């Protein structure tokens, strides 16, 4: 659960409180504080634009979780949950939509490809869980920064290519 405490000052005062059992516990989401309200808006914008772009947006969630007082490893777990939820929402909202090029003879999603990706994603998730437990936080932060730089660079180049193609 949390660290032992005698008073709220023994815990991270901004995000935790001392329970009757003398253990620090993360406080509830509401009432929200200023930085948390800002994080809600940034998170909503990030997830919305990520879903429009075809990715789930979970990587950005990791850095936002520090605004709520979560450590890196907990943030990674919450990020993975957010990716799953975003993916389910994205797929379920597009189930009845036809493919734009095939009109009546195809769906928006290629379910054969999705069914091949699921086992690989499950294996990658299990491997990532092991890595998350073994690798120190500093190395995880460096890897995260490198991946985010790569994702940003790739998406920026795609953006430039689309703008050139449309103009």
N, C-alpha and C. Protein backbone atom coordinates (compact mmCIF):
# COMPACT_ATOMS: atom_id res chain seq x y z
N UNK A 1 0.84 -1.18 0.00
CA UNK A 1 0.00 0.00 0.00
C UNK A 1 0.88 1.25 0.00
N UNK A 2 1.42 1.65 1.13
CA UNK A 2 2.22 2.86 1.19
C UNK A 2 3.17 2.81 2.38
N UNK A 3 3.87 3.92 2.59
CA UNK A 3 4.81 4.02 3.70
C UNK A 3 4.08 4.21 5.02
N UNK A 4 4.74 3.79 6.09
CA UNK A 4 4.17 4.00 7.42
C UNK A 4 4.23 5.49 7.77
N UNK A 5 3.24 5.97 8.51
CA UNK A 5 3.19 7.39 8.85
C UNK A 5 2.51 7.59 10.20
N UNK A 6 2.72 8.76 10.77
CA UNK A 6 2.03 9.16 11.99
C UNK A 6 1.08 10.32 11.73
N UNK A 7 1.45 11.16 10.72
CA UNK A 7 0.63 12.33 10.36
C UNK A 7 0.74 12.55 8.86
N UNK A 8 -0.12 13.43 8.32
CA UNK A 8 -0.11 13.72 6.89
C UNK A 8 1.24 14.27 6.43
N UNK A 9 1.97 14.95 7.32
CA UNK A 9 3.25 15.53 6.94
C UNK A 9 4.31 14.46 6.67
N UNK A 10 4.10 13.23 7.12
CA UNK A 10 5.03 12.14 6.85
C UNK A 10 4.90 11.62 5.43
N UNK A 11 3.79 11.92 4.78
CA UNK A 11 3.52 11.48 3.41
C UNK A 11 3.84 12.60 2.44
N UNK A 12 3.73 12.32 1.15
CA UNK A 12 3.83 13.37 0.14
C UNK A 12 2.56 14.21 0.30
N UNK A 13 2.68 15.36 0.94
CA UNK A 13 1.52 16.14 1.36
C UNK A 13 0.59 16.54 0.22
N UNK A 14 1.15 16.72 -0.98
CA UNK A 14 0.32 17.18 -2.08
C UNK A 14 -0.57 16.08 -2.62
N UNK A 15 -0.10 14.82 -2.55
CA UNK A 15 -0.82 13.73 -3.19
C UNK A 15 -1.29 12.63 -2.26
N UNK A 16 -0.78 12.61 -1.03
CA UNK A 16 -1.11 11.51 -0.13
C UNK A 16 -1.60 12.03 1.22
N UNK A 17 -2.21 11.14 1.96
CA UNK A 17 -2.62 11.44 3.32
C UNK A 17 -2.39 10.22 4.20
N UNK A 18 -2.31 10.43 5.50
CA UNK A 18 -2.09 9.35 6.44
C UNK A 18 -3.44 8.78 6.87
N UNK A 19 -3.63 7.49 6.65
CA UNK A 19 -4.91 6.85 6.97
C UNK A 19 -4.99 6.51 8.46
N UNK A 20 -6.15 6.01 8.88
CA UNK A 20 -6.33 5.57 10.27
C UNK A 20 -5.41 4.40 10.61
N UNK A 21 -5.02 3.65 9.61
CA UNK A 21 -4.13 2.50 9.82
C UNK A 21 -2.67 2.91 9.83
N UNK A 22 -2.40 4.23 9.80
CA UNK A 22 -1.05 4.80 9.85
C UNK A 22 -0.20 4.39 8.64
N UNK A 23 -0.83 4.47 7.45
CA UNK A 23 -0.17 4.17 6.19
C UNK A 23 -0.50 5.29 5.20
N UNK A 24 0.51 5.73 4.44
CA UNK A 24 0.28 6.76 3.43
C UNK A 24 -0.53 6.17 2.28
N UNK A 25 -1.55 6.91 1.86
CA UNK A 25 -2.41 6.45 0.77
C UNK A 25 -2.62 7.62 -0.19
N UNK A 26 -2.63 7.30 -1.50
CA UNK A 26 -2.85 8.34 -2.52
C UNK A 26 -4.26 8.89 -2.36
N UNK A 27 -4.37 10.21 -2.41
CA UNK A 27 -5.68 10.83 -2.21
C UNK A 27 -6.57 10.61 -3.43
N UNK A 28 -7.86 10.89 -3.28
CA UNK A 28 -8.82 10.71 -4.36
C UNK A 28 -8.59 11.74 -5.47
N UNK A 29 -9.14 11.47 -6.64
CA UNK A 29 -8.97 12.35 -7.79
C UNK A 29 -9.67 13.69 -7.57
N UNK A 30 -10.85 13.66 -7.00
CA UNK A 30 -11.61 14.89 -6.77
C UNK A 30 -11.68 15.16 -5.28
N UNK A 31 -11.57 16.40 -4.85
CA UNK A 31 -11.48 17.63 -5.65
C UNK A 31 -10.10 17.80 -6.27
N UNK A 32 -10.09 18.22 -7.51
CA UNK A 32 -8.85 18.39 -8.26
C UNK A 32 -8.19 19.72 -7.90
N UNK A 33 -6.86 19.71 -7.98
CA UNK A 33 -6.08 20.93 -7.74
C UNK A 33 -5.68 21.53 -9.08
N UNK A 34 -5.12 22.72 -9.06
CA UNK A 34 -4.80 23.47 -10.28
C UNK A 34 -3.97 22.71 -11.28
N UNK A 35 -2.84 22.13 -10.84
CA UNK A 35 -1.97 21.40 -11.78
C UNK A 35 -2.68 20.16 -12.32
N UNK A 36 -3.55 19.57 -11.52
CA UNK A 36 -4.28 18.39 -11.98
C UNK A 36 -5.33 18.77 -13.03
N UNK A 37 -5.99 19.88 -12.84
CA UNK A 37 -6.95 20.35 -13.84
C UNK A 37 -6.25 20.62 -15.16
N UNK A 38 -5.07 21.24 -15.09
CA UNK A 38 -4.28 21.48 -16.30
C UNK A 38 -3.89 20.15 -16.95
N UNK A 39 -3.50 19.17 -16.13
CA UNK A 39 -3.12 17.86 -16.66
C UNK A 39 -4.31 17.16 -17.30
N UNK A 40 -5.51 17.33 -16.75
CA UNK A 40 -6.71 16.72 -17.36
C UNK A 40 -6.90 17.24 -18.78
N UNK A 41 -6.77 18.56 -18.95
CA UNK A 41 -6.96 19.15 -20.27
C UNK A 41 -5.86 18.72 -21.24
N UNK A 42 -4.60 18.73 -20.76
CA UNK A 42 -3.50 18.31 -21.62
C UNK A 42 -3.67 16.85 -22.00
N UNK A 43 -4.05 16.01 -21.03
CA UNK A 43 -4.25 14.58 -21.29
C UNK A 43 -5.37 14.37 -22.30
N UNK A 44 -6.49 15.05 -22.13
CA UNK A 44 -7.61 14.91 -23.07
C UNK A 44 -7.19 15.32 -24.48
N UNK A 45 -6.45 16.41 -24.60
CA UNK A 45 -5.97 16.87 -25.90
C UNK A 45 -5.00 15.85 -26.50
N UNK A 46 -4.09 15.35 -25.69
CA UNK A 46 -3.10 14.38 -26.16
C UNK A 46 -3.77 13.09 -26.64
N UNK A 47 -4.68 12.56 -25.85
CA UNK A 47 -5.35 11.30 -26.22
C UNK A 47 -6.21 11.50 -27.46
N UNK A 48 -6.92 12.61 -27.53
CA UNK A 48 -7.78 12.87 -28.69
C UNK A 48 -6.96 12.97 -29.97
N UNK A 49 -5.90 13.76 -29.96
CA UNK A 49 -5.09 13.90 -31.16
C UNK A 49 -4.36 12.60 -31.49
N UNK A 50 -3.95 11.86 -30.47
CA UNK A 50 -3.28 10.57 -30.72
C UNK A 50 -4.24 9.59 -31.37
N UNK A 51 -5.47 9.53 -30.88
CA UNK A 51 -6.45 8.62 -31.47
C UNK A 51 -6.79 9.01 -32.90
N UNK A 52 -6.85 10.32 -33.17
CA UNK A 52 -7.09 10.75 -34.55
C UNK A 52 -5.94 10.32 -35.45
N UNK A 53 -4.73 10.31 -34.91
CA UNK A 53 -3.55 9.93 -35.69
C UNK A 53 -3.37 8.44 -35.82
N UNK A 54 -4.14 7.66 -35.07
CA UNK A 54 -4.07 6.21 -35.19
C UNK A 54 -3.21 5.54 -34.13
N UNK A 55 -2.70 6.31 -33.16
CA UNK A 55 -1.95 5.71 -32.06
C UNK A 55 -2.72 5.98 -30.78
N UNK A 56 -2.45 5.21 -29.75
CA UNK A 56 -3.27 5.29 -28.54
C UNK A 56 -2.86 6.40 -27.58
N UNK A 57 -1.66 6.96 -27.67
CA UNK A 57 -1.28 8.10 -26.85
C UNK A 57 -0.77 7.77 -25.46
N UNK A 58 -0.51 6.52 -25.18
CA UNK A 58 -0.09 6.13 -23.85
C UNK A 58 1.27 6.63 -23.44
N UNK A 59 2.19 6.83 -24.40
CA UNK A 59 3.51 7.31 -24.05
C UNK A 59 3.45 8.69 -23.40
N UNK A 60 2.61 9.56 -23.91
CA UNK A 60 2.48 10.89 -23.33
C UNK A 60 1.88 10.86 -21.94
N UNK A 61 1.11 9.83 -21.69
CA UNK A 61 0.48 9.66 -20.38
C UNK A 61 1.51 9.47 -19.28
N UNK A 62 2.63 8.84 -19.59
CA UNK A 62 3.66 8.57 -18.59
C UNK A 62 4.19 9.87 -18.00
N UNK A 63 4.50 10.83 -18.83
CA UNK A 63 5.03 12.09 -18.31
C UNK A 63 3.97 12.89 -17.55
N UNK A 64 2.72 12.80 -17.96
CA UNK A 64 1.66 13.52 -17.26
C UNK A 64 1.39 12.95 -15.86
N UNK A 65 1.64 11.67 -15.68
CA UNK A 65 1.36 11.06 -14.38
C UNK A 65 2.24 11.63 -13.28
N UNK A 66 3.40 12.17 -13.62
CA UNK A 66 4.23 12.81 -12.60
C UNK A 66 3.54 14.04 -12.02
N UNK A 67 2.65 14.65 -12.80
CA UNK A 67 1.89 15.80 -12.30
C UNK A 67 0.88 15.38 -11.23
N UNK A 68 0.57 14.08 -11.19
CA UNK A 68 -0.35 13.55 -10.19
C UNK A 68 0.38 12.85 -9.06
N UNK A 69 1.71 12.88 -9.06
CA UNK A 69 2.51 12.32 -7.98
C UNK A 69 2.79 10.84 -8.08
N UNK A 70 2.60 10.21 -9.24
CA UNK A 70 2.89 8.79 -9.39
C UNK A 70 4.34 8.61 -9.80
N UNK A 71 4.95 7.52 -9.36
CA UNK A 71 6.31 7.23 -9.78
C UNK A 71 6.32 6.67 -11.20
N UNK A 72 7.51 6.50 -11.75
CA UNK A 72 7.65 6.10 -13.16
C UNK A 72 7.03 4.74 -13.44
N UNK A 73 7.28 3.77 -12.59
CA UNK A 73 6.80 2.41 -12.86
C UNK A 73 5.28 2.33 -12.77
N UNK A 74 4.67 3.04 -11.83
CA UNK A 74 3.21 3.09 -11.75
C UNK A 74 2.65 3.81 -12.97
N UNK A 75 3.33 4.86 -13.41
CA UNK A 75 2.89 5.59 -14.60
C UNK A 75 2.90 4.70 -15.84
N UNK A 76 3.89 3.83 -15.95
CA UNK A 76 3.96 2.92 -17.10
C UNK A 76 2.77 1.96 -17.08
N UNK A 77 2.43 1.45 -15.90
CA UNK A 77 1.29 0.54 -15.79
C UNK A 77 0.00 1.26 -16.18
N UNK A 78 -0.20 2.47 -15.67
CA UNK A 78 -1.39 3.24 -16.01
C UNK A 78 -1.43 3.59 -17.49
N UNK A 79 -0.26 3.85 -18.07
CA UNK A 79 -0.17 4.15 -19.50
C UNK A 79 -0.63 2.96 -20.33
N UNK A 80 -0.20 1.77 -19.94
CA UNK A 80 -0.61 0.57 -20.67
C UNK A 80 -2.12 0.37 -20.59
N UNK A 81 -2.69 0.63 -19.43
CA UNK A 81 -4.15 0.52 -19.29
C UNK A 81 -4.85 1.53 -20.19
N UNK A 82 -4.31 2.75 -20.26
CA UNK A 82 -4.89 3.79 -21.10
C UNK A 82 -4.82 3.41 -22.58
N UNK A 83 -3.74 2.77 -22.99
CA UNK A 83 -3.60 2.34 -24.39
C UNK A 83 -4.66 1.31 -24.73
N UNK A 84 -4.88 0.36 -23.82
CA UNK A 84 -5.90 -0.67 -24.05
C UNK A 84 -7.28 -0.03 -24.18
N UNK A 85 -7.61 0.89 -23.28
CA UNK A 85 -8.92 1.54 -23.31
C UNK A 85 -9.09 2.35 -24.59
N UNK A 86 -8.07 3.13 -24.96
CA UNK A 86 -8.15 3.92 -26.19
C UNK A 86 -8.30 3.03 -27.41
N UNK A 87 -7.59 1.91 -27.43
CA UNK A 87 -7.70 1.00 -28.57
C UNK A 87 -9.08 0.39 -28.68
N UNK A 88 -9.64 -0.01 -27.54
CA UNK A 88 -10.99 -0.58 -27.55
C UNK A 88 -12.00 0.45 -28.05
N UNK A 89 -11.88 1.69 -27.58
CA UNK A 89 -12.80 2.74 -28.02
C UNK A 89 -12.64 2.99 -29.51
N UNK A 90 -11.40 3.07 -29.98
CA UNK A 90 -11.16 3.35 -31.41
C UNK A 90 -11.73 2.24 -32.29
N UNK A 91 -11.50 1.00 -31.92
CA UNK A 91 -12.00 -0.11 -32.73
C UNK A 91 -13.52 -0.21 -32.66
N UNK A 92 -14.08 -0.06 -31.46
CA UNK A 92 -15.53 -0.21 -31.32
C UNK A 92 -16.30 0.90 -32.03
N UNK A 93 -15.72 2.10 -32.13
CA UNK A 93 -16.41 3.17 -32.84
C UNK A 93 -16.30 3.02 -34.35
N UNK A 94 -15.37 2.20 -34.82
CA UNK A 94 -15.22 2.02 -36.26
C UNK A 94 -15.71 0.70 -36.78
N UNK A 95 -16.37 -0.09 -35.94
CA UNK A 95 -16.80 -1.43 -36.36
C UNK A 95 -17.77 -1.41 -37.54
N UNK A 96 -18.71 -0.51 -37.54
CA UNK A 96 -19.72 -0.49 -38.60
C UNK A 96 -19.35 0.34 -39.81
N UNK A 97 -18.18 0.96 -39.79
CA UNK A 97 -17.80 1.85 -40.89
C UNK A 97 -17.17 1.08 -42.04
N UNK A 98 -17.57 1.39 -43.27
CA UNK A 98 -16.97 0.71 -44.43
C UNK A 98 -15.59 1.28 -44.73
N UNK A 99 -14.79 0.49 -45.41
CA UNK A 99 -13.49 0.94 -45.86
C UNK A 99 -13.69 2.02 -46.92
N UNK A 100 -12.94 3.14 -46.87
CA UNK A 100 -13.19 4.23 -47.82
C UNK A 100 -12.94 3.87 -49.28
N UNK A 101 -12.08 2.89 -49.54
CA UNK A 101 -11.79 2.54 -50.93
C UNK A 101 -12.60 1.33 -51.41
N UNK A 102 -13.12 0.55 -50.48
CA UNK A 102 -13.85 -0.66 -50.87
C UNK A 102 -15.35 -0.51 -50.75
N UNK A 103 -15.80 0.56 -50.20
CA UNK A 103 -17.23 0.88 -50.01
C UNK A 103 -17.99 -0.26 -49.33
N UNK A 104 -18.69 -1.07 -50.06
CA UNK A 104 -19.57 -2.07 -49.43
C UNK A 104 -18.87 -3.40 -49.16
N UNK A 105 -17.65 -3.61 -49.69
CA UNK A 105 -17.00 -4.92 -49.56
C UNK A 105 -15.80 -4.89 -48.63
N UNK A 106 -15.89 -4.22 -47.54
CA UNK A 106 -14.77 -4.22 -46.59
C UNK A 106 -15.04 -3.32 -45.41
N UNK A 107 -14.44 -3.66 -44.29
CA UNK A 107 -14.59 -2.83 -43.09
C UNK A 107 -13.40 -1.90 -42.95
N UNK A 108 -13.55 -0.95 -42.07
CA UNK A 108 -12.49 0.03 -41.84
C UNK A 108 -11.24 -0.63 -41.27
N UNK A 109 -11.41 -1.67 -40.47
CA UNK A 109 -10.29 -2.36 -39.85
C UNK A 109 -10.06 -3.71 -40.51
N UNK A 110 -8.81 -4.09 -40.64
CA UNK A 110 -8.45 -5.39 -41.18
C UNK A 110 -8.33 -6.35 -39.99
N UNK A 111 -9.39 -7.09 -39.72
CA UNK A 111 -9.42 -7.93 -38.53
C UNK A 111 -8.44 -9.09 -38.62
N UNK A 112 -8.07 -9.51 -39.83
CA UNK A 112 -7.03 -10.55 -39.96
C UNK A 112 -5.70 -10.04 -39.42
N UNK A 113 -5.37 -8.80 -39.72
CA UNK A 113 -4.13 -8.20 -39.23
C UNK A 113 -4.21 -8.00 -37.71
N UNK A 114 -5.34 -7.51 -37.24
CA UNK A 114 -5.51 -7.30 -35.80
C UNK A 114 -5.35 -8.61 -35.05
N UNK A 115 -5.92 -9.69 -35.56
CA UNK A 115 -5.81 -10.98 -34.88
C UNK A 115 -4.38 -11.52 -34.88
N UNK A 116 -3.55 -11.11 -35.84
CA UNK A 116 -2.15 -11.51 -35.84
C UNK A 116 -1.32 -10.65 -34.89
N UNK A 117 -1.74 -9.41 -34.68
CA UNK A 117 -0.99 -8.50 -33.82
C UNK A 117 -1.21 -8.80 -32.34
N UNK A 118 -2.38 -9.28 -31.98
CA UNK A 118 -2.72 -9.48 -30.56
C UNK A 118 -1.72 -10.39 -29.84
N UNK A 119 -1.34 -11.56 -30.39
CA UNK A 119 -0.35 -12.38 -29.67
C UNK A 119 1.00 -11.69 -29.52
N UNK A 120 1.43 -10.98 -30.55
CA UNK A 120 2.70 -10.25 -30.46
C UNK A 120 2.62 -9.15 -29.41
N UNK A 121 1.48 -8.48 -29.33
CA UNK A 121 1.32 -7.43 -28.32
C UNK A 121 1.30 -8.01 -26.92
N UNK A 122 0.69 -9.17 -26.75
CA UNK A 122 0.67 -9.83 -25.43
C UNK A 122 2.08 -10.23 -25.02
N UNK A 123 2.86 -10.77 -25.95
CA UNK A 123 4.25 -11.14 -25.66
C UNK A 123 5.07 -9.90 -25.33
N UNK A 124 4.91 -8.85 -26.11
CA UNK A 124 5.65 -7.61 -25.85
C UNK A 124 5.27 -7.02 -24.49
N UNK A 125 4.01 -7.12 -24.12
CA UNK A 125 3.57 -6.61 -22.82
C UNK A 125 4.20 -7.39 -21.68
N UNK A 126 4.25 -8.71 -21.82
CA UNK A 126 4.89 -9.53 -20.79
C UNK A 126 6.38 -9.22 -20.68
N UNK A 127 7.03 -9.06 -21.81
CA UNK A 127 8.45 -8.70 -21.82
C UNK A 127 8.68 -7.32 -21.21
N UNK A 128 7.82 -6.38 -21.55
CA UNK A 128 7.94 -5.03 -21.00
C UNK A 128 7.74 -5.03 -19.48
N UNK A 129 6.85 -5.88 -18.98
CA UNK A 129 6.65 -5.98 -17.54
C UNK A 129 7.91 -6.47 -16.85
N UNK A 130 8.57 -7.47 -17.44
CA UNK A 130 9.83 -7.95 -16.88
C UNK A 130 10.90 -6.86 -16.91
N UNK A 131 11.00 -6.17 -18.03
CA UNK A 131 11.99 -5.09 -18.16
C UNK A 131 11.71 -3.98 -17.15
N UNK A 132 10.44 -3.66 -16.97
CA UNK A 132 10.05 -2.61 -16.02
C UNK A 132 10.49 -2.95 -14.60
N UNK A 133 10.47 -4.22 -14.24
CA UNK A 133 10.87 -4.63 -12.89
C UNK A 133 12.38 -4.70 -12.72
N UNK A 134 13.11 -4.95 -13.80
CA UNK A 134 14.55 -5.19 -13.70
C UNK A 134 15.38 -3.91 -13.91
N UNK A 135 15.00 -3.10 -14.88
CA UNK A 135 15.81 -1.94 -15.26
C UNK A 135 15.57 -0.79 -14.29
N UNK A 136 16.64 -0.09 -13.89
CA UNK A 136 16.50 1.08 -12.99
C UNK A 136 15.73 2.22 -13.67
N UNK A 137 15.15 3.08 -12.83
CA UNK A 137 14.34 4.19 -13.33
C UNK A 137 15.10 5.11 -14.29
N UNK A 138 16.37 5.40 -14.01
CA UNK A 138 17.14 6.31 -14.86
C UNK A 138 17.25 5.75 -16.28
N UNK A 139 17.51 4.47 -16.41
CA UNK A 139 17.61 3.85 -17.74
C UNK A 139 16.25 3.89 -18.43
N UNK A 140 15.16 3.63 -17.67
CA UNK A 140 13.83 3.71 -18.25
C UNK A 140 13.51 5.11 -18.76
N UNK A 141 13.90 6.13 -18.01
CA UNK A 141 13.66 7.51 -18.44
C UNK A 141 14.43 7.81 -19.72
N UNK A 142 15.67 7.36 -19.80
CA UNK A 142 16.47 7.59 -21.01
C UNK A 142 15.85 6.87 -22.20
N UNK A 143 15.46 5.60 -22.02
CA UNK A 143 14.80 4.86 -23.10
C UNK A 143 13.50 5.54 -23.52
N UNK A 144 12.75 6.00 -22.54
CA UNK A 144 11.50 6.70 -22.82
C UNK A 144 11.76 7.96 -23.65
N UNK A 145 12.78 8.72 -23.28
CA UNK A 145 13.10 9.95 -24.02
C UNK A 145 13.51 9.63 -25.45
N UNK A 146 14.29 8.58 -25.64
CA UNK A 146 14.71 8.19 -26.99
C UNK A 146 13.51 7.76 -27.83
N UNK A 147 12.64 6.94 -27.25
CA UNK A 147 11.45 6.49 -27.98
C UNK A 147 10.55 7.67 -28.33
N UNK A 148 10.34 8.57 -27.37
CA UNK A 148 9.48 9.73 -27.63
C UNK A 148 10.08 10.62 -28.72
N UNK A 149 11.38 10.79 -28.71
CA UNK A 149 12.04 11.57 -29.76
C UNK A 149 11.83 10.91 -31.12
N UNK A 150 11.96 9.58 -31.16
CA UNK A 150 11.74 8.86 -32.41
C UNK A 150 10.30 8.97 -32.89
N UNK A 151 9.35 8.80 -31.98
CA UNK A 151 7.93 8.91 -32.34
C UNK A 151 7.60 10.31 -32.83
N UNK A 152 8.10 11.31 -32.13
CA UNK A 152 7.85 12.70 -32.53
C UNK A 152 8.45 12.96 -33.91
N UNK A 153 9.69 12.53 -34.12
CA UNK A 153 10.35 12.76 -35.41
C UNK A 153 9.59 12.10 -36.55
N UNK A 154 9.20 10.84 -36.33
CA UNK A 154 8.45 10.12 -37.36
C UNK A 154 7.13 10.80 -37.69
N UNK A 155 6.39 11.17 -36.66
CA UNK A 155 5.10 11.83 -36.89
C UNK A 155 5.26 13.21 -37.51
N UNK A 156 6.31 13.93 -37.14
CA UNK A 156 6.55 15.24 -37.73
C UNK A 156 6.88 15.10 -39.21
N UNK A 157 7.68 14.09 -39.57
CA UNK A 157 8.00 13.87 -40.98
C UNK A 157 6.75 13.46 -41.77
N UNK A 158 5.90 12.64 -41.16
CA UNK A 158 4.63 12.28 -41.80
C UNK A 158 3.76 13.52 -42.00
N UNK A 159 3.73 14.38 -40.99
CA UNK A 159 2.95 15.62 -41.08
C UNK A 159 3.45 16.49 -42.23
N UNK A 160 4.75 16.65 -42.33
CA UNK A 160 5.34 17.47 -43.41
C UNK A 160 5.00 16.85 -44.76
N UNK A 161 5.08 15.52 -44.87
CA UNK A 161 4.78 14.86 -46.15
C UNK A 161 3.31 15.06 -46.54
N UNK A 162 2.39 14.98 -45.57
CA UNK A 162 0.97 15.18 -45.86
C UNK A 162 0.71 16.63 -46.28
N UNK A 163 1.34 17.57 -45.60
CA UNK A 163 1.15 18.99 -45.96
C UNK A 163 1.66 19.24 -47.37
N UNK A 164 2.83 18.70 -47.71
CA UNK A 164 3.36 18.89 -49.08
C UNK A 164 2.46 18.24 -50.12
N UNK A 165 1.92 17.07 -49.78
CA UNK A 165 1.05 16.38 -50.74
C UNK A 165 -0.25 17.13 -50.97
N UNK A 166 -0.77 17.75 -49.92
CA UNK A 166 -2.06 18.46 -50.03
C UNK A 166 -1.94 19.85 -50.62
N UNK A 167 -0.72 20.42 -50.65
CA UNK A 167 -0.58 21.78 -51.19
C UNK A 167 0.03 21.77 -52.57
